[in-house]
């Protein structure tokens, strides 16, 4: 009797994340998941309980990866505003079809789910709120470090930044000229950097 291949949760989650991000929750079938995860239906349900639970796990993975990337940039640059600018430029370097070249998975989720998918929609909203809070904290750190004027509003700046980031991800998702995308990302990044330059000038 042939034994099933050992199950690797991390590999399975990566495969599911890529698939869900590309196709969306509703358009992804069990057959799609079987092929992507190289697992039988019974094994998928045994490991993740349901399609919804698997999707929620991939949303968490997506959110944590973005938060970790932003934290790495903060550590590498030493400047809160430089980290935010570099984060935007990273999306401009994404190749068409690559993970970074797709619209934000959290935003795509909110557009895809219905009232019957309340748990998924709520989780996506919560992660977006958490990301806004993370970005707000970075703008607060920039203000405390003297990169922003004392009267700057970190929460307002964070909302504007996240709106720009969402728009940039949508442009990446559309495809097109990668040089133009990189230029757009650089324009947005320079807007962030000008917040510091305006104060010092």
Protein backbone atom coordinates (compact mmCIF):
# COMPACT_ATOMS: atom_id res chain seq x y z
CA UNK A 1 0.00 0.00 0.00
CA UNK A 2 1.46 3.36 -1.07
CA UNK A 3 1.85 5.87 1.71
CA UNK A 4 0.89 9.52 1.16
CA UNK A 5 3.64 12.09 0.96
CA UNK A 6 4.48 13.80 4.26
CA UNK A 7 2.39 16.91 4.76
CA UNK A 8 4.33 20.19 4.99
CA UNK A 9 2.06 22.91 6.39
CA UNK A 10 4.31 25.81 5.38
CA UNK A 11 4.59 24.63 1.79
CA UNK A 12 0.85 24.00 1.60
CA UNK A 13 0.04 27.45 2.96
CA UNK A 14 2.39 29.11 0.48
CA UNK A 15 0.72 27.26 -2.39
CA UNK A 16 -2.76 28.11 -1.12
CA UNK A 17 -1.84 31.77 -0.64
CA UNK A 18 -0.58 32.06 -4.22
CA UNK A 19 -3.71 30.39 -5.57
CA UNK A 20 -6.22 32.32 -3.48
CA UNK A 21 -4.44 35.62 -4.15
CA UNK A 22 -4.61 35.02 -7.89
CA UNK A 23 -8.13 33.59 -8.20
CA UNK A 24 -9.99 34.85 -5.15
CA UNK A 25 -11.94 32.91 -2.54
CA UNK A 26 -15.05 32.02 -4.54
CA UNK A 27 -13.34 31.27 -7.86
CA UNK A 28 -10.96 28.79 -6.23
CA UNK A 29 -12.41 25.28 -6.33
CA UNK A 30 -11.51 22.24 -4.30
CA UNK A 31 -9.99 20.78 -7.46
CA UNK A 32 -7.78 23.87 -7.74
CA UNK A 33 -6.64 23.39 -4.15
CA UNK A 34 -5.97 19.69 -4.67
CA UNK A 35 -3.70 20.47 -7.60
CA UNK A 36 -1.90 23.41 -5.97
CA UNK A 37 -1.34 21.72 -2.60
CA UNK A 38 -0.79 18.23 -4.04
CA UNK A 39 -3.17 16.93 -1.38
CA UNK A 40 -6.34 14.85 -1.46
CA UNK A 41 -9.60 16.49 -0.30
CA UNK A 42 -9.64 14.47 2.91
CA UNK A 43 -6.09 15.55 3.72
CA UNK A 44 -6.90 19.20 3.05
CA UNK A 45 -9.89 19.12 5.39
CA UNK A 46 -7.96 17.17 8.02
CA UNK A 47 -5.19 19.77 7.96
CA UNK A 48 -7.23 22.96 7.65
CA UNK A 49 -10.82 21.96 8.63
CA UNK A 50 -12.47 23.89 5.80
CA UNK A 51 -11.85 26.05 2.76
CA UNK A 52 -12.74 29.09 4.84
CA UNK A 53 -10.23 28.22 7.56
CA UNK A 54 -7.55 27.66 4.94
CA UNK A 55 -8.33 31.04 3.40
CA UNK A 56 -8.17 32.75 6.80
CA UNK A 57 -4.77 31.15 7.39
CA UNK A 58 -3.47 32.50 4.08
CA UNK A 59 -4.78 35.97 4.89
CA UNK A 60 -2.86 35.93 8.15
CA UNK A 61 0.26 34.74 6.33
CA UNK A 62 -0.09 37.55 3.79
CA UNK A 63 -0.54 40.20 6.48
CA UNK A 64 2.36 38.97 8.62
CA UNK A 65 4.71 38.92 5.62
CA UNK A 66 3.90 42.51 4.73
CA UNK A 67 4.31 43.63 8.33
CA UNK A 68 7.63 41.79 8.60
CA UNK A 69 8.91 43.37 5.38
CA UNK A 70 8.10 46.83 6.67
CA UNK A 71 9.83 46.04 9.96
CA UNK A 72 12.94 44.83 8.10
CA UNK A 73 13.09 48.08 6.15
CA UNK A 74 12.80 50.09 9.35
CA UNK A 75 15.72 48.19 10.81
CA UNK A 76 17.81 48.53 7.68
CA UNK A 77 17.30 52.24 7.00
CA UNK A 78 17.22 53.63 10.51
CA UNK A 79 14.81 56.28 9.22
CA UNK A 80 11.04 55.85 9.53
CA UNK A 81 10.29 57.92 6.43
CA UNK A 82 12.99 56.17 4.40
CA UNK A 83 11.49 52.80 5.34
CA UNK A 84 8.05 53.89 4.13
CA UNK A 85 9.52 55.25 0.89
CA UNK A 86 11.48 52.05 0.25
CA UNK A 87 8.38 49.96 0.92
CA UNK A 88 6.56 51.77 -1.89
CA UNK A 89 9.52 51.47 -4.26
CA UNK A 90 9.52 47.71 -3.68
CA UNK A 91 6.07 47.40 -5.24
CA UNK A 92 7.31 49.31 -8.27
CA UNK A 93 9.99 46.70 -8.85
CA UNK A 94 7.52 43.79 -8.94
CA UNK A 95 7.35 41.81 -12.14
CA UNK A 96 4.01 41.21 -13.81
CA UNK A 97 2.51 37.98 -12.56
CA UNK A 98 4.73 37.88 -9.48
CA UNK A 99 3.20 38.04 -6.03
CA UNK A 100 4.18 41.66 -5.52
CA UNK A 101 2.68 42.51 -8.90
CA UNK A 102 -0.84 41.78 -7.74
CA UNK A 103 -3.40 43.98 -6.06
CA UNK A 104 -3.44 43.82 -2.26
CA UNK A 105 -4.93 40.49 -1.19
CA UNK A 106 -6.80 42.13 1.67
CA UNK A 107 -8.48 44.64 -0.63
CA UNK A 108 -9.22 41.95 -3.21
CA UNK A 109 -10.81 39.89 -0.45
CA UNK A 110 -13.16 42.70 0.58
CA UNK A 111 -14.25 43.10 -3.04
CA UNK A 112 -14.73 39.36 -3.51
CA UNK A 113 -16.58 38.17 -0.42
CA UNK A 114 -20.33 38.36 0.20
CA UNK A 115 -22.45 38.83 3.32
CA UNK A 116 -22.31 35.07 3.82
CA UNK A 117 -18.53 35.30 4.16
CA UNK A 118 -18.67 37.51 7.22
CA UNK A 119 -15.70 35.97 9.02
CA UNK A 120 -13.44 36.45 6.01
CA UNK A 121 -14.54 40.03 5.40
CA UNK A 122 -14.10 40.91 9.06
CA UNK A 123 -10.62 39.42 9.17
CA UNK A 124 -9.55 41.33 6.05
CA UNK A 125 -10.86 44.60 7.53
CA UNK A 126 -9.08 43.94 10.81
CA UNK A 127 -5.77 43.29 9.04
CA UNK A 128 -6.15 46.48 7.01
CA UNK A 129 -6.83 48.37 10.24
CA UNK A 130 -3.76 46.79 11.84
CA UNK A 131 -1.62 47.78 8.86
CA UNK A 132 -2.94 51.34 9.12
CA UNK A 133 -2.00 51.32 12.80
CA UNK A 134 1.51 50.04 11.94
CA UNK A 135 1.99 52.80 9.38
CA UNK A 136 0.61 55.39 11.79
CA UNK A 137 3.15 54.27 14.38
CA UNK A 138 5.96 54.72 11.85
CA UNK A 139 4.80 58.26 11.06
CA UNK A 140 4.66 58.90 14.81
CA UNK A 141 8.24 57.65 15.10
CA UNK A 142 9.22 59.97 12.24
CA UNK A 143 7.65 62.90 14.08
CA UNK A 144 9.39 61.95 17.33
CA UNK A 145 12.71 61.66 15.47
CA UNK A 146 12.33 65.17 14.05
CA UNK A 147 11.64 64.01 10.50
CA UNK A 148 8.15 65.54 10.64
CA UNK A 149 6.92 68.81 12.14
CA UNK A 150 5.40 68.63 15.59
CA UNK A 151 1.99 69.48 14.17
CA UNK A 152 1.97 66.59 11.68
CA UNK A 153 -1.00 64.22 11.89
CA UNK A 154 0.37 60.64 11.71
CA UNK A 155 -3.08 59.05 11.39
CA UNK A 156 -4.00 61.24 8.42
CA UNK A 157 -0.63 60.65 6.78
CA UNK A 158 -1.06 56.90 7.27
CA UNK A 159 -4.46 56.87 5.58
CA UNK A 160 -3.06 58.79 2.62
CA UNK A 161 -0.06 56.49 2.44
CA UNK A 162 -2.21 53.37 2.49
CA UNK A 163 -4.45 54.79 -0.23
CA UNK A 164 -1.38 55.44 -2.39
CA UNK A 165 -0.09 51.95 -1.68
CA UNK A 166 -3.42 50.39 -2.70
CA UNK A 167 -3.48 52.42 -5.93
CA UNK A 168 0.08 51.37 -6.71
CA UNK A 169 -0.74 47.71 -6.18
CA UNK A 170 -3.71 48.00 -8.51
CA UNK A 171 -1.48 49.53 -11.19
CA UNK A 172 0.94 46.64 -10.72
CA UNK A 173 -1.94 44.21 -11.03
CA UNK A 174 -3.03 45.76 -14.33
CA UNK A 175 0.35 45.01 -15.86
CA UNK A 176 1.79 47.32 -18.49
CA UNK A 177 5.10 49.11 -18.72
CA UNK A 178 7.33 48.14 -15.77
CA UNK A 179 9.38 51.31 -16.24
CA UNK A 180 6.25 53.43 -15.85
CA UNK A 181 5.25 51.45 -12.75
CA UNK A 182 8.67 51.97 -11.19
CA UNK A 183 8.44 55.69 -11.95
CA UNK A 184 5.01 55.91 -10.32
CA UNK A 185 6.31 54.11 -7.22
CA UNK A 186 9.27 56.46 -7.10
CA UNK A 187 6.97 59.49 -7.36
CA UNK A 188 4.94 58.23 -4.40
CA UNK A 189 8.11 57.46 -2.44
CA UNK A 190 9.47 60.96 -3.11
CA UNK A 191 6.23 62.43 -1.78
CA UNK A 192 6.95 60.64 1.49
CA UNK A 193 10.56 61.80 1.50
CA UNK A 194 9.49 65.41 0.83
CA UNK A 195 7.70 65.41 4.17
CA UNK A 196 11.14 65.43 5.78
CA UNK A 197 12.71 67.76 3.24
CA UNK A 198 9.94 70.34 3.68
CA UNK A 199 10.68 70.57 7.39
CA UNK A 200 14.45 70.85 6.99
CA UNK A 201 14.28 73.33 4.11
